[in-house]
Amino acid sequence: MQLGAMNHPAKDVVEEIRWIAEHDFDYIDLTLEPPAADPRTLELSRVATALEKYELPVVAHTAYYLPYATPFATIRRACLEELSVAVKVAGKLGARLVTVHFCRPPKFFSEEDVFAWHREILAPLCDLAEQTGTVVAVEQSPFPQCRQIDILERLLTELPGLRFHLDAGHARLEPQGDLWNEYLARLGRYLVHVHLSENDGSCDQHLPLGAVPGHFWQWSQRIAQLKSLPYDGTITLEVFAPEPDYLLLSRDLVRRWWNEAGNENSAA
């Protein structure tokens, strides 16, 4: 298992790389979005030099707000162009994968329409990723306004190059309630990346692990589920607290839970 952290899109990318490397993370989850990490204007040589200096592997992440699930073909084409730029940049930086978000659709359209819009974008991105040496992973979104798990399963089945990125916080924010278990059961075989954070069920708060009162999250159990899937890949802590010590505490907790899950499996 490798633990990573994400850069702040409004802060200098090289400084973010330095901080993440110096605080004992295994990689950077590089979000390629404005204002400070726009893939069209990013100084690739400067970023690549920093990644090499700190010996920090990278996975990439695209802007979640590109609205490609739309009936307007011109907007879909524009989104595909922007996402293609990000995939190419990810490949140049040696990213092992690049995340594209499921796009929440407008009301009044069928799930067949939503599927078709996503396929129109994701299929060529998967082809491009293969050419650039990376992989596209689709991340489920909060409050999707549709049965996105069904659409995702169909996309993953029909697009052999596509993989799945599971966001624990988003899984709680589904119309049907928390779908963490269902995502693992149905899409676990496609899983290549995970985001962890907490929320209280009202919105995507990106809180530290263990911050929400009560026993809803049961992180030691969730980590054990991942490990027994089996999953041993990248896990990004999407903890966006103003005080960075909360991110570091979450890092230490996940490592402890992971090791404890291993000990329990050995003792069984």
Protein backbone atom coordinates (compact mmCIF):
# COMPACT_ATOMS: atom_id res chain seq x y z
CA MET A 1 0.00 0.00 0.00
CA GLN A 2 1.24 3.49 -0.86
CA LEU A 3 -0.11 6.61 0.87
CA GLY A 4 -0.25 9.91 -0.98
CA ALA A 5 -1.42 13.49 -0.59
CA MET A 6 -2.81 16.00 -3.06
CA ASN A 7 -1.40 19.38 -3.99
CA HIS A 8 -3.52 22.48 -3.45
CA PRO A 9 -4.49 23.76 -6.92
CA ALA A 10 -3.88 27.38 -5.87
CA LYS A 11 -0.39 26.81 -4.43
CA ASP A 12 2.97 26.47 -6.15
CA VAL A 13 3.29 22.91 -7.40
CA VAL A 14 7.00 22.54 -6.63
CA GLU A 15 6.51 23.71 -3.05
CA GLU A 16 3.66 21.23 -2.70
CA ILE A 17 5.90 18.44 -4.03
CA ARG A 18 8.59 19.38 -1.51
CA TRP A 19 6.15 19.42 1.44
CA ILE A 20 4.55 16.10 0.53
CA ALA A 21 7.93 14.41 0.06
CA GLU A 22 9.31 15.81 3.32
CA HIS A 23 6.30 14.58 5.30
CA ASP A 24 6.74 10.91 4.55
CA PHE A 25 4.17 10.37 1.81
CA ASP A 26 4.85 7.79 -0.87
CA TYR A 27 3.64 9.83 -3.85
CA ILE A 28 1.82 13.00 -4.90
CA ASP A 29 -1.73 12.97 -6.25
CA LEU A 30 -1.15 15.84 -8.67
CA THR A 31 -4.36 17.64 -9.47
CA LEU A 32 -3.96 19.29 -12.86
CA GLU A 33 -6.26 22.27 -12.55
CA PRO A 34 -6.06 26.07 -12.38
CA PRO A 35 -4.99 28.40 -11.02
CA ALA A 36 -1.53 27.07 -10.10
CA ALA A 37 -1.55 23.68 -11.84
CA ASP A 38 -3.28 24.33 -15.16
CA PRO A 39 -1.99 21.58 -17.47
CA ARG A 40 -1.83 24.07 -20.35
CA THR A 41 0.56 26.43 -18.54
CA LEU A 42 2.34 24.16 -16.06
CA GLU A 43 6.14 24.38 -16.24
CA LEU A 44 6.69 20.70 -16.92
CA SER A 45 10.47 20.77 -16.72
CA ARG A 46 10.35 22.48 -13.32
CA VAL A 47 7.80 19.99 -12.00
CA ALA A 48 9.66 17.00 -13.43
CA THR A 49 12.91 18.21 -11.86
CA ALA A 50 11.23 18.50 -8.45
CA LEU A 51 9.70 15.03 -8.73
CA GLU A 52 13.11 13.61 -9.58
CA LYS A 53 14.87 15.57 -6.82
CA TYR A 54 12.52 14.29 -4.13
CA GLU A 55 12.15 10.84 -5.72
CA LEU A 56 8.38 11.24 -5.54
CA PRO A 57 6.16 9.10 -7.80
CA VAL A 58 3.02 10.72 -9.20
CA VAL A 59 -0.58 9.93 -10.03
CA ALA A 60 -2.67 12.60 -11.73
CA HIS A 61 -6.10 14.06 -11.14
CA THR A 62 -8.21 16.24 -13.44
CA ALA A 63 -10.61 19.07 -12.63
CA TYR A 64 -13.85 17.65 -11.25
CA TYR A 65 -15.95 20.51 -12.64
CA LEU A 66 -15.55 19.88 -16.37
CA PRO A 67 -19.25 19.44 -17.40
CA TYR A 68 -19.02 16.80 -20.11
CA ALA A 69 -22.27 14.98 -19.24
CA THR A 70 -24.34 17.37 -21.30
CA PRO A 71 -26.60 17.22 -24.34
CA PHE A 72 -24.53 19.98 -25.98
CA ALA A 73 -21.99 18.34 -28.28
CA THR A 74 -19.80 21.46 -28.50
CA ILE A 75 -19.35 21.44 -24.71
CA ARG A 76 -18.53 17.72 -24.74
CA ARG A 77 -15.89 18.31 -27.40
CA ALA A 78 -14.38 21.18 -25.42
CA CYS A 79 -14.22 19.05 -22.26
CA LEU A 80 -12.60 16.20 -24.19
CA GLU A 81 -9.97 18.62 -25.47
CA GLU A 82 -9.17 19.87 -21.95
CA LEU A 83 -9.07 16.36 -20.49
CA SER A 84 -6.84 15.20 -23.35
CA VAL A 85 -4.34 17.94 -22.50
CA ALA A 86 -4.31 16.73 -18.89
CA VAL A 87 -3.78 13.09 -19.92
CA LYS A 88 -0.84 14.06 -22.14
CA VAL A 89 0.73 16.10 -19.33
CA ALA A 90 0.21 13.22 -16.91
CA GLY A 91 2.01 10.91 -19.31
CA LYS A 92 4.92 13.32 -19.73
CA LEU A 93 5.33 13.49 -15.94
CA GLY A 94 5.34 9.70 -15.64
CA ALA A 95 1.99 9.42 -13.86
CA ARG A 96 0.91 5.80 -13.42
CA LEU A 97 -2.76 6.81 -13.70
CA VAL A 98 -4.96 9.84 -14.26
CA THR A 99 -8.38 10.30 -12.67
CA VAL A 100 -11.44 11.58 -14.52
CA HIS A 101 -14.61 12.15 -12.52
CA PHE A 102 -18.04 10.80 -13.26
CA CYS A 103 -19.95 13.87 -14.37
CA ARG A 104 -23.25 14.62 -12.68
CA PRO A 105 -25.84 14.97 -15.46
CA PRO A 106 -28.71 17.45 -15.76
CA LYS A 107 -32.23 16.34 -14.91
CA PHE A 108 -34.74 14.86 -17.34
CA PHE A 109 -32.29 12.71 -19.32
CA SER A 110 -32.21 8.93 -19.38
CA GLU A 111 -29.40 6.81 -17.98
CA GLU A 112 -28.78 5.67 -21.56
CA ASP A 113 -28.03 9.30 -22.47
CA VAL A 114 -25.72 9.67 -19.47
CA PHE A 115 -23.90 6.47 -20.36
CA ALA A 116 -23.45 7.58 -23.98
CA TRP A 117 -22.02 10.97 -22.98
CA HIS A 118 -19.53 9.34 -20.61
CA ARG A 119 -18.50 6.73 -23.15
CA GLU A 120 -17.97 9.41 -25.78
CA ILE A 121 -15.42 11.07 -23.49
CA LEU A 122 -13.82 8.13 -21.69
CA ALA A 123 -13.24 5.84 -24.69
CA PRO A 124 -10.87 8.21 -26.55
CA LEU A 125 -9.20 9.21 -23.26
CA CYS A 126 -8.41 5.55 -22.57
CA ASP A 127 -6.90 5.21 -26.04
CA LEU A 128 -4.84 8.36 -25.50
CA ALA A 129 -3.69 7.19 -22.07
CA GLU A 130 -2.44 3.93 -23.55
CA GLN A 131 -0.40 5.88 -26.08
CA THR A 132 1.12 8.10 -23.37
CA GLY A 133 1.92 5.30 -20.94
CA THR A 134 -0.73 5.92 -18.32
CA VAL A 135 -4.21 4.63 -17.38
CA VAL A 136 -7.54 6.44 -16.98
CA ALA A 137 -9.47 5.75 -13.78
CA VAL A 138 -13.03 7.02 -13.34
CA GLU A 139 -13.96 8.34 -9.89
CA GLN A 140 -17.53 8.32 -8.66
CA SER A 141 -19.03 11.71 -7.74
CA PRO A 142 -21.11 12.90 -4.78
CA PHE A 143 -24.85 13.55 -5.23
CA PRO A 144 -24.86 12.12 -8.78
CA GLN A 145 -28.61 12.59 -9.50
CA CYS A 146 -28.65 9.16 -11.10
CA ARG A 147 -27.78 5.56 -10.33
CA GLN A 148 -24.11 6.14 -11.18
CA ILE A 149 -22.88 2.77 -9.91
CA ASP A 150 -24.89 1.04 -12.66
CA ILE A 151 -23.50 3.37 -15.31
CA LEU A 152 -19.96 2.97 -14.00
CA GLU A 153 -20.25 -0.80 -14.03
CA ARG A 154 -21.37 -0.73 -17.65
CA LEU A 155 -18.56 1.66 -18.64
CA LEU A 156 -15.94 -0.49 -16.92
CA THR A 157 -17.33 -3.59 -18.60
CA GLU A 158 -17.41 -2.10 -22.09
CA LEU A 159 -14.13 -0.13 -21.99
CA PRO A 160 -11.30 -2.59 -21.29
CA GLY A 161 -8.74 0.18 -20.73
CA LEU A 162 -10.81 1.96 -18.07
CA ARG A 163 -10.22 1.45 -14.35
CA PHE A 164 -12.04 2.45 -11.16
CA HIS A 165 -11.14 5.04 -8.52
CA LEU A 166 -13.14 4.70 -5.29
CA ASP A 167 -13.70 7.81 -3.16
CA ALA A 168 -14.90 6.88 0.33
CA GLY A 169 -16.37 10.30 1.05
CA HIS A 170 -18.33 10.33 -2.20
CA ALA A 171 -19.64 6.82 -1.55
CA ARG A 172 -21.48 8.15 1.50
CA LEU A 173 -23.14 10.92 -0.52
CA GLU A 174 -25.30 8.76 -2.79
CA PRO A 175 -29.12 9.01 -2.97
CA GLN A 176 -29.32 5.40 -1.74
CA GLY A 177 -27.04 6.08 1.24
CA ASP A 178 -23.48 4.87 1.75
CA LEU A 179 -22.48 2.52 -1.11
CA TRP A 180 -18.93 1.70 0.00
CA ASN A 181 -19.69 -2.01 0.32
CA GLU A 182 -21.59 -2.16 -2.96
CA TYR A 183 -18.79 -0.41 -4.85
CA LEU A 184 -16.25 -2.88 -3.50
CA ALA A 185 -18.47 -5.87 -4.28
CA ARG A 186 -19.37 -4.82 -7.82
CA LEU A 187 -16.38 -2.79 -9.00
CA GLY A 188 -13.54 -3.99 -6.77
CA ARG A 189 -11.94 -6.00 -9.58
CA TYR A 190 -11.39 -2.74 -11.50
CA LEU A 191 -10.00 -0.80 -8.51
CA VAL A 192 -6.65 0.97 -9.02
CA HIS A 193 -6.88 4.03 -6.75
CA VAL A 194 -8.62 5.15 -3.55
CA HIS A 195 -9.39 8.49 -1.89
CA LEU A 196 -10.10 8.62 1.84
CA SER A 197 -11.73 11.44 3.82
CA GLU A 198 -14.70 11.90 6.13
CA ASN A 199 -17.95 13.82 6.00
CA ASP A 200 -21.10 13.90 8.11
CA GLY A 201 -23.37 13.01 5.19
CA SER A 202 -24.33 16.60 4.36
CA CYS A 203 -21.62 17.45 1.81
CA ASP A 204 -18.12 16.48 0.67
CA GLN A 205 -16.26 18.03 3.61
CA HIS A 206 -12.85 16.29 3.25
CA LEU A 207 -12.49 15.97 7.02
CA PRO A 208 -9.68 14.09 8.78
CA LEU A 209 -10.21 10.40 9.44
CA GLY A 210 -11.86 9.85 12.80
CA ALA A 211 -13.20 13.43 13.03
CA VAL A 212 -16.95 12.82 12.69
CA PRO A 213 -18.70 11.87 15.97
CA GLY A 214 -20.21 8.41 16.20
CA HIS A 215 -19.17 5.10 14.72
CA PHE A 216 -20.33 5.44 11.11
CA TRP A 217 -16.96 5.22 9.38
CA GLN A 218 -15.29 2.30 11.20
CA TRP A 219 -12.02 2.89 9.38
CA SER A 220 -10.19 -0.14 10.69
CA GLN A 221 -12.92 -2.30 9.15
CA ARG A 222 -12.85 -0.42 5.83
CA ILE A 223 -9.08 -0.66 5.57
CA ALA A 224 -9.29 -4.38 6.31
CA GLN A 225 -11.90 -4.71 3.53
CA LEU A 226 -9.55 -3.07 1.04
CA LYS A 227 -6.63 -5.23 2.09
CA SER A 228 -8.64 -8.43 1.81
CA LEU A 229 -10.08 -7.53 -1.63
CA PRO A 230 -7.07 -7.83 -2.20
CA TYR A 231 -5.99 -4.23 -2.81
CA ASP A 232 -2.43 -3.05 -2.24
CA GLY A 233 -2.26 0.08 -4.39
CA THR A 234 -2.34 3.85 -3.99
CA ILE A 235 -4.47 5.52 -1.30
CA THR A 236 -4.68 9.31 -1.24
CA LEU A 237 -5.71 11.13 1.92
CA GLU A 238 -8.00 13.89 0.67
CA VAL A 239 -7.94 15.72 4.00
CA PHE A 240 -8.16 19.47 3.41
CA ALA A 241 -8.01 20.82 6.97
CA PRO A 242 -6.35 24.25 7.42
CA GLU A 243 -4.02 22.68 10.00
CA PRO A 244 -1.78 20.15 8.21
CA ASP A 245 -1.25 18.10 11.37
CA TYR A 246 -4.71 16.60 10.78
CA LEU A 247 -3.48 15.23 7.44
CA LEU A 248 -0.39 13.80 9.11
CA LEU A 249 -2.46 12.20 11.86
CA SER A 250 -4.70 10.60 9.22
CA ARG A 251 -1.56 9.29 7.50
CA ASP A 252 -0.38 7.63 10.71
CA LEU A 253 -3.81 6.19 11.47
CA VAL A 254 -4.16 4.56 8.05
CA ARG A 255 -0.73 2.98 8.33
CA ARG A 256 -1.61 1.66 11.77
CA TRP A 257 -4.97 0.27 10.60
CA TRP A 258 -3.31 -1.32 7.58
CA ASN A 259 -0.70 -3.04 9.72
CA GLU A 260 -3.30 -4.18 12.25
CA ALA A 261 -5.40 -5.68 9.45
CA GLY A 262 -2.37 -7.65 8.35
CA ASN A 263 -1.74 -8.91 11.87
CA GLU A 264 -5.37 -10.00 12.24
CA ASN A 265 -5.20 -11.89 8.94
CA SER A 266 -1.99 -13.61 10.05
CA ALA A 267 -3.51 -14.66 13.36
CA ALA A 268 -6.68 -16.04 11.79
